[in-house]
N, C-alpha and C. Protein backbone atom coordinates (compact mmCIF):
# COMPACT_ATOMS: atom_id res chain seq x y z
N TYR A 1 0.13 -5.04 -24.36
CA TYR A 1 -0.24 -5.04 -22.96
C TYR A 1 0.84 -4.46 -22.05
N THR A 2 1.84 -3.78 -22.60
CA THR A 2 2.92 -3.27 -21.75
C THR A 2 2.43 -2.22 -20.76
N ARG A 3 1.31 -1.57 -21.05
CA ARG A 3 0.78 -0.55 -20.14
C ARG A 3 -0.29 -1.10 -19.23
N GLN A 4 -0.48 -2.42 -19.20
CA GLN A 4 -1.54 -3.01 -18.39
C GLN A 4 -1.03 -4.01 -17.37
N ILE A 5 0.21 -4.47 -17.49
CA ILE A 5 0.72 -5.52 -16.60
C ILE A 5 1.51 -4.90 -15.46
N CYS A 6 1.14 -5.24 -14.24
CA CYS A 6 1.83 -4.73 -13.06
C CYS A 6 3.19 -5.42 -12.95
N PRO A 7 4.30 -4.66 -12.84
CA PRO A 7 5.62 -5.28 -12.73
C PRO A 7 5.87 -5.91 -11.36
N ILE A 8 5.01 -5.63 -10.39
CA ILE A 8 5.18 -6.17 -9.05
C ILE A 8 4.44 -7.51 -8.91
N CYS A 9 3.15 -7.54 -9.22
CA CYS A 9 2.35 -8.75 -9.00
C CYS A 9 1.95 -9.47 -10.28
N GLY A 10 2.08 -8.82 -11.45
CA GLY A 10 1.77 -9.46 -12.72
C GLY A 10 0.31 -9.39 -13.15
N ARG A 11 -0.52 -8.73 -12.37
CA ARG A 11 -1.93 -8.60 -12.74
C ARG A 11 -2.09 -7.70 -13.95
N ILE A 12 -3.11 -7.97 -14.74
CA ILE A 12 -3.48 -7.09 -15.85
C ILE A 12 -4.55 -6.14 -15.34
N GLN A 13 -4.25 -4.87 -15.39
CA GLN A 13 -5.13 -3.83 -14.87
C GLN A 13 -5.09 -2.66 -15.85
N HIS A 14 -6.24 -2.17 -16.28
CA HIS A 14 -6.29 -1.04 -17.20
C HIS A 14 -5.96 0.26 -16.48
N ALA A 15 -5.25 1.14 -17.17
CA ALA A 15 -4.91 2.44 -16.61
C ALA A 15 -6.11 3.37 -16.68
N LYS A 16 -6.25 4.19 -15.66
CA LYS A 16 -7.28 5.23 -15.65
C LYS A 16 -6.61 6.53 -16.09
N ASP A 17 -7.05 7.07 -17.22
CA ASP A 17 -6.42 8.26 -17.82
C ASP A 17 -4.94 7.99 -18.01
N ARG A 18 -4.08 8.77 -17.38
CA ARG A 18 -2.63 8.60 -17.53
C ARG A 18 -2.01 7.88 -16.33
N ASN A 19 -2.82 7.52 -15.36
CA ASN A 19 -2.32 6.90 -14.14
C ASN A 19 -2.65 5.41 -14.11
N TYR A 20 -1.69 4.62 -13.67
CA TYR A 20 -1.88 3.19 -13.50
C TYR A 20 -1.85 2.90 -12.00
N ILE A 21 -2.92 2.32 -11.50
CA ILE A 21 -3.01 1.94 -10.09
C ILE A 21 -3.43 0.48 -10.04
N CYS A 22 -2.59 -0.35 -9.47
CA CYS A 22 -2.87 -1.78 -9.36
C CYS A 22 -3.51 -2.07 -8.00
N ARG A 23 -4.20 -3.20 -7.92
CA ARG A 23 -4.82 -3.61 -6.66
C ARG A 23 -3.79 -3.90 -5.58
N CYS A 24 -2.55 -4.23 -5.99
CA CYS A 24 -1.51 -4.53 -4.99
C CYS A 24 -0.94 -3.26 -4.37
N GLY A 25 -1.34 -2.08 -4.90
CA GLY A 25 -0.89 -0.82 -4.33
C GLY A 25 0.14 -0.09 -5.18
N TYR A 26 0.67 -0.75 -6.21
CA TYR A 26 1.66 -0.11 -7.09
C TYR A 26 0.97 0.92 -7.96
N GLN A 27 1.58 2.10 -8.09
CA GLN A 27 1.03 3.14 -8.95
C GLN A 27 2.13 3.93 -9.64
N THR A 28 1.88 4.31 -10.88
CA THR A 28 2.83 5.07 -11.68
C THR A 28 2.11 5.65 -12.89
N HIS A 29 2.82 6.41 -13.70
CA HIS A 29 2.31 6.93 -14.96
C HIS A 29 2.28 5.78 -15.96
N ARG A 30 1.25 5.69 -16.79
CA ARG A 30 1.11 4.53 -17.67
C ARG A 30 2.23 4.42 -18.71
N ASP A 31 2.79 5.54 -19.17
CA ASP A 31 3.89 5.48 -20.13
C ASP A 31 5.16 4.96 -19.47
N LEU A 32 5.40 5.35 -18.23
CA LEU A 32 6.54 4.83 -17.48
C LEU A 32 6.37 3.34 -17.25
N LEU A 33 5.16 2.91 -16.95
CA LEU A 33 4.88 1.49 -16.77
C LEU A 33 5.20 0.70 -18.04
N GLY A 34 4.81 1.23 -19.18
CA GLY A 34 5.11 0.57 -20.44
C GLY A 34 6.61 0.43 -20.67
N ALA A 35 7.36 1.49 -20.36
CA ALA A 35 8.82 1.44 -20.52
C ALA A 35 9.45 0.43 -19.56
N ILE A 36 8.96 0.38 -18.33
CA ILE A 36 9.47 -0.59 -17.35
C ILE A 36 9.22 -2.01 -17.84
N ASN A 37 8.02 -2.27 -18.33
CA ASN A 37 7.68 -3.62 -18.78
C ASN A 37 8.45 -4.01 -20.03
N ILE A 38 8.74 -3.06 -20.91
CA ILE A 38 9.54 -3.37 -22.10
C ILE A 38 10.97 -3.71 -21.67
N CYS A 39 11.52 -2.96 -20.74
CA CYS A 39 12.87 -3.24 -20.24
C CYS A 39 12.94 -4.59 -19.54
N ASN A 40 11.89 -4.97 -18.86
CA ASN A 40 11.87 -6.25 -18.14
C ASN A 40 11.55 -7.44 -19.04
N SER A 41 11.21 -7.20 -20.30
CA SER A 41 10.77 -8.29 -21.16
C SER A 41 11.85 -8.79 -22.11
N THR A 42 13.10 -8.54 -21.81
CA THR A 42 14.16 -9.03 -22.70
C THR A 42 14.23 -10.54 -22.66
N GLU A 43 14.51 -11.15 -23.79
CA GLU A 43 14.60 -12.59 -23.92
C GLU A 43 15.95 -12.95 -24.51
N TYR A 44 16.45 -14.10 -24.13
CA TYR A 44 17.71 -14.59 -24.68
C TYR A 44 17.39 -15.47 -25.87
N ILE A 45 17.87 -15.07 -27.05
CA ILE A 45 17.65 -15.84 -28.28
C ILE A 45 19.00 -16.03 -28.96
N GLY A 46 19.39 -17.29 -29.11
CA GLY A 46 20.66 -17.58 -29.74
C GLY A 46 21.80 -17.07 -28.89
N ASN A 47 22.64 -16.23 -29.47
CA ASN A 47 23.79 -15.69 -28.73
C ASN A 47 23.65 -14.20 -28.45
N ARG A 48 22.41 -13.69 -28.43
CA ARG A 48 22.21 -12.27 -28.14
C ARG A 48 20.88 -12.07 -27.42
N TYR A 49 20.76 -10.93 -26.79
CA TYR A 49 19.52 -10.58 -26.09
C TYR A 49 18.67 -9.71 -27.00
N THR A 50 17.37 -9.91 -26.99
CA THR A 50 16.45 -9.07 -27.76
C THR A 50 15.35 -8.59 -26.84
N ALA A 51 14.73 -7.49 -27.24
CA ALA A 51 13.61 -6.97 -26.44
C ALA A 51 12.34 -7.16 -27.20
């Protein structure tokens, strides 16, 4: 779901073609959205960070 979750409001919204447009007004390329969400999804496990 990395290409469906809005990093601003958290809504799940499907991308139209290569463009992602959320109801909150955020818009970007769906591949860039996936990269942003992967970078924002790091978790702390033990003594190191993982993505």
